[in-house]
C-alpha atoms as a PDB file:
ATOM      1  CA  MET A   1       6.571 -27.786  -9.064  1.00  0.00           C
ATOM      2  CA  LYS A   2       6.547 -24.295  -8.751  1.00  0.00           C
ATOM      3  CA  ASN A   3       3.285 -22.177  -9.641  1.00  0.00           C
ATOM      4  CA  LYS A   4       3.537 -19.878 -12.328  1.00  0.00           C
ATOM      5  CA  LEU A   5       1.908 -16.489 -13.111  1.00  0.00           C
ATOM      6  CA  GLU A   6       1.798 -14.464 -16.523  1.00  0.00           C
ATOM      7  CA  TYR A   7       2.750 -10.762 -16.076  1.00  0.00           C
ATOM      8  CA  THR A   8       2.665  -8.106 -18.640  1.00  0.00           C
ATOM      9  CA  TYR A   9       5.817  -5.649 -18.397  1.00  0.00           C
ATOM     10  CA  TRP A  10       7.358  -2.878 -20.368  1.00  0.00           C
ATOM     11  CA  LYS A  11      10.408  -0.259 -19.792  1.00  0.00           C
ATOM     12  CA  ASP A  12       9.473   3.135 -19.405  1.00  0.00           C
ATOM     13  CA  ASP A  13      12.762   5.271 -19.303  1.00  0.00           C
ATOM     14  CA  ASP A  14      15.061   3.618 -16.551  1.00  0.00           C
ATOM     15  CA  MET A  15      12.414   1.833 -15.015  1.00  0.00           C
ATOM     16  CA  PHE A  16      10.414  -1.648 -15.631  1.00  0.00           C
ATOM     17  CA  LEU A  17       6.540  -1.354 -15.023  1.00  0.00           C
ATOM     18  CA  GLY A  18       4.239  -4.278 -15.026  1.00  0.00           C
ATOM     19  CA  TYR A  19       1.340  -6.183 -13.494  1.00  0.00           C
ATOM     20  CA  LEU A  20      -0.028  -9.695 -12.989  1.00  0.00           C
ATOM     21  CA  ASN A  21      -2.273 -10.597 -15.774  1.00  0.00           C
ATOM     22  CA  ASP A  22      -4.727 -12.019 -13.399  1.00  0.00           C
ATOM     23  CA  TYR A  23      -4.479  -8.683 -11.258  1.00  0.00           C
ATOM     24  CA  PRO A  24      -4.339  -5.843 -14.027  1.00  0.00           C
ATOM     25  CA  ASP A  25      -5.388  -3.108 -11.358  1.00  0.00           C
ATOM     26  CA  TYR A  26      -2.328  -3.571  -9.319  1.00  0.00           C
ATOM     27  CA  MET A  27       0.758  -2.394 -11.046  1.00  0.00           C
ATOM     28  CA  THR A  28       4.449  -1.895  -9.695  1.00  0.00           C
ATOM     29  CA  GLN A  29       7.942  -1.253 -10.858  1.00  0.00           C
ATOM     30  CA  GLY A  30      11.457  -2.124 -10.478  1.00  0.00           C
ATOM     31  CA  GLU A  31      14.867  -0.835 -11.530  1.00  0.00           C
ATOM     32  CA  THR A  32      15.700  -4.383 -12.944  1.00  0.00           C
ATOM     33  CA  ILE A  33      13.519  -7.104 -14.254  1.00  0.00           C
ATOM     34  CA  GLU A  34      14.475  -9.453 -11.262  1.00  0.00           C
ATOM     35  CA  GLU A  35      13.559  -6.403  -8.938  1.00  0.00           C
ATOM     36  CA  LEU A  36      10.086  -6.172 -10.826  1.00  0.00           C
ATOM     37  CA  LYS A  37       9.605  -9.739 -10.375  1.00  0.00           C
ATOM     38  CA  ASP A  38      10.244  -9.421  -6.617  1.00  0.00           C
ATOM     39  CA  ASN A  39       7.565  -6.683  -6.501  1.00  0.00           C
ATOM     40  CA  LEU A  40       5.014  -8.814  -8.311  1.00  0.00           C
ATOM     41  CA  ARG A  41       5.375 -11.768  -5.947  1.00  0.00           C
ATOM     42  CA  ASP A  42       4.892  -9.281  -3.123  1.00  0.00           C
ATOM     43  CA  ILE A  43       1.890  -8.044  -4.730  1.00  0.00           C
ATOM     44  CA  TYR A  44       0.703 -11.516  -5.362  1.00  0.00           C
ATOM     45  CA  ASN A  45       1.129 -12.709  -1.748  1.00  0.00           C
ATOM     46  CA  GLU A  46      -0.771  -9.497  -0.480  1.00  0.00           C
ATOM     47  CA  LEU A  47      -3.656 -10.131  -3.044  1.00  0.00           C
ATOM     48  CA  VAL A  48      -4.125 -13.992  -2.300  1.00  0.00           C
ATOM     49  CA  SER A  49      -3.645 -13.288   1.610  1.00  0.00           C
ATOM     50  CA  GLY A  50      -6.889 -11.116   1.822  1.00  0.00           C
ATOM     51  CA  LYS A  51      -4.868  -8.277   3.132  1.00  0.00           C
ATOM     52  CA  ILE A  52      -6.061  -6.156   0.345  1.00  0.00           C
ATOM     53  CA  PRO A  53     -10.177  -5.802  -0.053  1.00  0.00           C
ATOM     54  CA  GLY A  54     -12.127  -5.713  -3.117  1.00  0.00           C
ATOM     55  CA  VAL A  55      -9.953  -7.387  -5.530  1.00  0.00           C
ATOM     56  CA  ARG A  56     -10.969  -7.781  -8.788  1.00  0.00           C
ATOM     57  CA  GLN A  57      -9.994 -10.754 -10.831  1.00  0.00           C
ATOM     58  CA  VAL A  58     -10.015 -12.137 -14.485  1.00  0.00           C
ATOM     59  CA  ALA A  59     -12.078 -15.416 -15.207  1.00  0.00           C
ATOM     60  CA  GLU A  60     -12.948 -17.532 -17.860  1.00  0.00           C
ATOM     61  CA  MET A  61     -16.443 -19.338 -18.394  1.00  0.00           C
ATOM     62  CA  ALA A  62     -17.849 -21.300 -21.213  1.00  0.00           C
ATOM     63  CA  ILE A  63     -21.067 -20.146 -22.908  1.00  0.00           C
END
């Protein structure tokens, strides 16, 4: 089974823009939705590899 990540995207003029919901500080774009998804995958791989320092993440906790 493949892992899944939620992402947010929108169209602005001729480009699709978006970010991974777990990493909202890192936006990317693509001319098509498929190119946007490819770019989001690339960002994800860089974020989890440790190549990008100081990555902020979203988390949830019980209170």
